[in-house]
C-alpha atoms as a PDB file:
ATOM      1  CA  UNK A   1       0.000   0.000   0.000  1.00  0.00           C
ATOM      2  CA  UNK A   2       1.285   3.464  -0.892  1.00  0.00           C
ATOM      3  CA  UNK A   3       1.836   5.586   2.227  1.00  0.00           C
ATOM      4  CA  UNK A   4       0.939   9.154   1.274  1.00  0.00           C
ATOM      5  CA  UNK A   5       1.678  10.576   4.734  1.00  0.00           C
ATOM      6  CA  UNK A   6       5.233   9.270   4.810  1.00  0.00           C
ATOM      7  CA  UNK A   7       5.900  10.447   1.261  1.00  0.00           C
ATOM      8  CA  UNK A   8       4.750  13.956   2.153  1.00  0.00           C
ATOM      9  CA  UNK A   9       6.838  13.873   5.322  1.00  0.00           C
ATOM     10  CA  UNK A  10       9.937  12.837   3.359  1.00  0.00           C
ATOM     11  CA  UNK A  11       9.504  15.337   0.525  1.00  0.00           C
ATOM     12  CA  UNK A  12      11.509  18.228   1.963  1.00  0.00           C
ATOM     13  CA  UNK A  13      14.322  15.979   3.196  1.00  0.00           C
ATOM     14  CA  UNK A  14      14.618  14.125  -0.121  1.00  0.00           C
ATOM     15  CA  UNK A  15      14.567  17.421  -2.002  1.00  0.00           C
ATOM     16  CA  UNK A  16      17.329  18.822   0.213  1.00  0.00           C
ATOM     17  CA  UNK A  17      19.525  15.816  -0.617  1.00  0.00           C
ATOM     18  CA  UNK A  18      18.773  15.764  -4.352  1.00  0.00           C
ATOM     19  CA  UNK A  19      18.705  19.543  -4.943  1.00  0.00           C
ATOM     20  CA  UNK A  20      20.261  21.255  -1.903  1.00  0.00           C
ATOM     21  CA  UNK A  21      20.995  24.572  -3.644  1.00  0.00           C
ATOM     22  CA  UNK A  22      17.778  24.779  -5.677  1.00  0.00           C
ATOM     23  CA  UNK A  23      15.346  27.506  -4.605  1.00  0.00           C
ATOM     24  CA  UNK A  24      12.435  26.019  -2.656  1.00  0.00           C
ATOM     25  CA  UNK A  25      10.688  29.162  -1.442  1.00  0.00           C
ATOM     26  CA  UNK A  26      10.671  32.847  -2.257  1.00  0.00           C
ATOM     27  CA  UNK A  27       9.169  35.007   0.465  1.00  0.00           C
ATOM     28  CA  UNK A  28       9.325  38.734  -0.060  1.00  0.00           C
ATOM     29  CA  UNK A  29      12.830  39.473  -1.305  1.00  0.00           C
ATOM     30  CA  UNK A  30      14.366  36.403   0.367  1.00  0.00           C
ATOM     31  CA  UNK A  31      15.092  33.095  -1.322  1.00  0.00           C
ATOM     32  CA  UNK A  32      15.460  29.825   0.568  1.00  0.00           C
ATOM     33  CA  UNK A  33      17.036  26.646  -0.776  1.00  0.00           C
ATOM     34  CA  UNK A  34      15.767  23.148  -0.088  1.00  0.00           C
ATOM     35  CA  UNK A  35      18.714  22.629   2.264  1.00  0.00           C
ATOM     36  CA  UNK A  36      17.863  25.769   4.226  1.00  0.00           C
ATOM     37  CA  UNK A  37      14.190  24.814   4.394  1.00  0.00           C
ATOM     38  CA  UNK A  38      15.058  21.333   5.637  1.00  0.00           C
ATOM     39  CA  UNK A  39      17.392  22.798   8.277  1.00  0.00           C
ATOM     40  CA  UNK A  40      14.722  25.214   9.530  1.00  0.00           C
ATOM     41  CA  UNK A  41      12.121  22.414   9.553  1.00  0.00           C
ATOM     42  CA  UNK A  42      14.509  20.199  11.546  1.00  0.00           C
ATOM     43  CA  UNK A  43      15.061  23.011  14.030  1.00  0.00           C
ATOM     44  CA  UNK A  44      11.336  23.540  14.527  1.00  0.00           C
ATOM     45  CA  UNK A  45      10.799  19.784  14.783  1.00  0.00           C
ATOM     46  CA  UNK A  46      13.392  19.554  17.571  1.00  0.00           C
ATOM     47  CA  UNK A  47      11.672  22.463  19.332  1.00  0.00           C
ATOM     48  CA  UNK A  48       8.318  20.656  19.161  1.00  0.00           C
ATOM     49  CA  UNK A  49       9.810  17.454  20.539  1.00  0.00           C
ATOM     50  CA  UNK A  50      11.557  19.341  23.353  1.00  0.00           C
ATOM     51  CA  UNK A  51       8.300  21.023  24.369  1.00  0.00           C
ATOM     52  CA  UNK A  52       6.690  17.594  24.692  1.00  0.00           C
ATOM     53  CA  UNK A  53       4.691  17.347  21.475  1.00  0.00           C
ATOM     54  CA  UNK A  54       4.231  13.635  20.754  1.00  0.00           C
ATOM     55  CA  UNK A  55       3.693  11.886  17.410  1.00  0.00           C
ATOM     56  CA  UNK A  56      -0.004  11.952  16.548  1.00  0.00           C
ATOM     57  CA  UNK A  57      -0.731  15.084  18.601  1.00  0.00           C
ATOM     58  CA  UNK A  58      -2.051  18.205  16.915  1.00  0.00           C
ATOM     59  CA  UNK A  59      -0.287  21.516  16.402  1.00  0.00           C
ATOM     60  CA  UNK A  60      -2.299  24.585  15.360  1.00  0.00           C
ATOM     61  CA  UNK A  61      -0.431  27.018  13.104  1.00  0.00           C
ATOM     62  CA  UNK A  62      -2.126  30.357  12.608  1.00  0.00           C
ATOM     63  CA  UNK A  63       0.304  32.733  10.943  1.00  0.00           C
ATOM     64  CA  UNK A  64      -1.034  33.329   7.433  1.00  0.00           C
ATOM     65  CA  UNK A  65       0.954  33.127   4.227  1.00  0.00           C
ATOM     66  CA  UNK A  66       4.476  33.495   5.563  1.00  0.00           C
ATOM     67  CA  UNK A  67       7.801  31.723   5.919  1.00  0.00           C
ATOM     68  CA  UNK A  68       7.010  30.587   9.481  1.00  0.00           C
ATOM     69  CA  UNK A  69       3.849  28.793   8.325  1.00  0.00           C
ATOM     70  CA  UNK A  70       5.861  26.781   5.807  1.00  0.00           C
ATOM     71  CA  UNK A  71       8.463  25.884   8.436  1.00  0.00           C
ATOM     72  CA  UNK A  72       5.688  25.051  10.906  1.00  0.00           C
ATOM     73  CA  UNK A  73       4.116  22.746   8.325  1.00  0.00           C
ATOM     74  CA  UNK A  74       7.274  20.765   7.535  1.00  0.00           C
ATOM     75  CA  UNK A  75       8.587  20.758  11.108  1.00  0.00           C
ATOM     76  CA  UNK A  76       5.279  19.489  12.461  1.00  0.00           C
ATOM     77  CA  UNK A  77       5.208  16.645   9.944  1.00  0.00           C
ATOM     78  CA  UNK A  78       8.821  15.747  10.763  1.00  0.00           C
ATOM     79  CA  UNK A  79       7.840  15.505  14.446  1.00  0.00           C
ATOM     80  CA  UNK A  80       5.119  13.026  13.483  1.00  0.00           C
ATOM     81  CA  UNK A  81       2.425  15.435  14.665  1.00  0.00           C
ATOM     82  CA  UNK A  82      -0.738  16.500  12.855  1.00  0.00           C
ATOM     83  CA  UNK A  83      -0.940  20.089  11.654  1.00  0.00           C
ATOM     84  CA  UNK A  84      -4.079  22.222  11.675  1.00  0.00           C
ATOM     85  CA  UNK A  85      -3.708  25.486   9.791  1.00  0.00           C
ATOM     86  CA  UNK A  86      -6.065  28.247  10.960  1.00  0.00           C
ATOM     87  CA  UNK A  87      -6.619  31.728   9.546  1.00  0.00           C
ATOM     88  CA  UNK A  88      -4.582  34.394  11.340  1.00  0.00           C
ATOM     89  CA  UNK A  89      -7.784  36.457  11.553  1.00  0.00           C
ATOM     90  CA  UNK A  90      -9.217  33.945  14.028  1.00  0.00           C
ATOM     91  CA  UNK A  91      -9.039  35.321  17.583  1.00  0.00           C
ATOM     92  CA  UNK A  92     -10.697  35.085  20.991  1.00  0.00           C
ATOM     93  CA  UNK A  93     -13.477  32.581  21.652  1.00  0.00           C
ATOM     94  CA  UNK A  94     -13.343  31.154  18.131  1.00  0.00           C
ATOM     95  CA  UNK A  95      -9.603  30.431  18.374  1.00  0.00           C
ATOM     96  CA  UNK A  96     -10.073  28.961  21.843  1.00  0.00           C
ATOM     97  CA  UNK A  97     -12.828  26.690  20.482  1.00  0.00           C
ATOM     98  CA  UNK A  98     -10.655  25.482  17.577  1.00  0.00           C
ATOM     99  CA  UNK A  99      -7.767  24.674  19.914  1.00  0.00           C
ATOM    100  CA  UNK A 100      -9.976  22.807  22.367  1.00  0.00           C
ATOM    101  CA  UNK A 101     -12.010  21.005  19.687  1.00  0.00           C
ATOM    102  CA  UNK A 102      -8.925  19.845  17.800  1.00  0.00           C
ATOM    103  CA  UNK A 103      -7.161  18.763  20.993  1.00  0.00           C
ATOM    104  CA  UNK A 104      -4.074  20.724  19.946  1.00  0.00           C
ATOM    105  CA  UNK A 105      -0.966  20.451  22.102  1.00  0.00           C
ATOM    106  CA  UNK A 106       0.623  23.637  20.812  1.00  0.00           C
ATOM    107  CA  UNK A 107      -0.380  26.888  19.116  1.00  0.00           C
ATOM    108  CA  UNK A 108       2.015  28.749  16.836  1.00  0.00           C
ATOM    109  CA  UNK A 109       0.526  32.223  16.404  1.00  0.00           C
ATOM    110  CA  UNK A 110       1.053  35.967  16.430  1.00  0.00           C
ATOM    111  CA  UNK A 111       1.211  37.998  19.620  1.00  0.00           C
ATOM    112  CA  UNK A 112      -2.194  39.529  18.772  1.00  0.00           C
ATOM    113  CA  UNK A 113      -3.813  36.095  18.654  1.00  0.00           C
ATOM    114  CA  UNK A 114      -2.004  35.016  21.802  1.00  0.00           C
ATOM    115  CA  UNK A 115      -3.203  38.138  23.619  1.00  0.00           C
ATOM    116  CA  UNK A 116      -6.799  37.426  22.499  1.00  0.00           C
ATOM    117  CA  UNK A 117      -6.854  34.103  24.377  1.00  0.00           C
ATOM    118  CA  UNK A 118      -4.435  34.812  27.230  1.00  0.00           C
ATOM    119  CA  UNK A 119      -7.345  35.054  29.668  1.00  0.00           C
ATOM    120  CA  UNK A 120      -7.993  31.342  29.234  1.00  0.00           C
ATOM    121  CA  UNK A 121      -5.538  30.165  31.887  1.00  0.00           C
ATOM    122  CA  UNK A 122      -6.455  26.499  31.551  1.00  0.00           C
ATOM    123  CA  UNK A 123      -4.885  26.406  28.098  1.00  0.00           C
ATOM    124  CA  UNK A 124      -1.244  25.457  27.728  1.00  0.00           C
ATOM    125  CA  UNK A 125      -0.008  27.898  25.076  1.00  0.00           C
ATOM    126  CA  UNK A 126       3.601  28.301  24.049  1.00  0.00           C
ATOM    127  CA  UNK A 127       4.840  31.590  22.602  1.00  0.00           C
ATOM    128  CA  UNK A 128       8.395  31.706  21.348  1.00  0.00           C
ATOM    129  CA  UNK A 129      10.118  33.905  18.826  1.00  0.00           C
ATOM    130  CA  UNK A 130      12.505  32.106  16.543  1.00  0.00           C
ATOM    131  CA  UNK A 131      14.480  34.222  14.117  1.00  0.00           C
ATOM    132  CA  UNK A 132      17.651  32.386  13.199  1.00  0.00           C
ATOM    133  CA  UNK A 133      18.773  28.887  12.432  1.00  0.00           C
ATOM    134  CA  UNK A 134      21.831  28.425  14.664  1.00  0.00           C
ATOM    135  CA  UNK A 135      20.992  25.169  16.428  1.00  0.00           C
ATOM    136  CA  UNK A 136      23.776  22.634  15.736  1.00  0.00           C
ATOM    137  CA  UNK A 137      21.205  19.848  15.444  1.00  0.00           C
ATOM    138  CA  UNK A 138      19.443  21.313  12.409  1.00  0.00           C
ATOM    139  CA  UNK A 139      21.234  19.096   9.923  1.00  0.00           C
ATOM    140  CA  UNK A 140      20.095  15.994  11.794  1.00  0.00           C
ATOM    141  CA  UNK A 141      16.583  14.827  11.147  1.00  0.00           C
ATOM    142  CA  UNK A 142      14.503  14.019  14.203  1.00  0.00           C
ATOM    143  CA  UNK A 143      14.292  10.280  13.593  1.00  0.00           C
ATOM    144  CA  UNK A 144      10.564  10.284  14.364  1.00  0.00           C
ATOM    145  CA  UNK A 145       8.299   8.092  12.304  1.00  0.00           C
ATOM    146  CA  UNK A 146       4.941   9.640  11.415  1.00  0.00           C
ATOM    147  CA  UNK A 147       2.209   8.368  13.700  1.00  0.00           C
ATOM    148  CA  UNK A 148      -0.398   5.921  12.472  1.00  0.00           C
ATOM    149  CA  UNK A 149      -2.609   6.944  15.392  1.00  0.00           C
ATOM    150  CA  UNK A 150      -5.537   9.210  14.511  1.00  0.00           C
ATOM    151  CA  UNK A 151      -4.529   9.576  10.868  1.00  0.00           C
ATOM    152  CA  UNK A 152      -8.022   8.715   9.674  1.00  0.00           C
ATOM    153  CA  UNK A 153      -9.991  10.655  12.247  1.00  0.00           C
ATOM    154  CA  UNK A 154     -11.233  14.093  11.228  1.00  0.00           C
ATOM    155  CA  UNK A 155     -10.045  17.081  13.224  1.00  0.00           C
ATOM    156  CA  UNK A 156     -13.620  17.983  14.175  1.00  0.00           C
ATOM    157  CA  UNK A 157     -15.562  15.580  16.321  1.00  0.00           C
END
């Protein structure tokens, strides 16, 4: 049986090996190669694992069309987690509902969104700014196999 999830998870890594210097993403006036994208994704993956995100858990990314969303996407898949992408315009009660309903372990969002739900103390929200790729582990993949748990369940219950 063809495993679509694993193939998607391996795409950025395989591309970084086969075409390391080829441009993978242009954002604004910056260009990123497949190797750079894979390194950033590895860094974010390690961050997720260090914060306790487990394979099969959900991560909500709500940043819009930007570089960080792309890195969040690939890094989350590398960690074996499930990504839920939410509009950056979603704030307050609606964002709280999406996080709770999806069972997300982590929210990657803007400060404005974070401030809109900060009153909900029962939620475990992580806010961290990450601006450079200087972690020595970035070249090493996480070694996490994508989870088979919950891969067929819809996000909404």
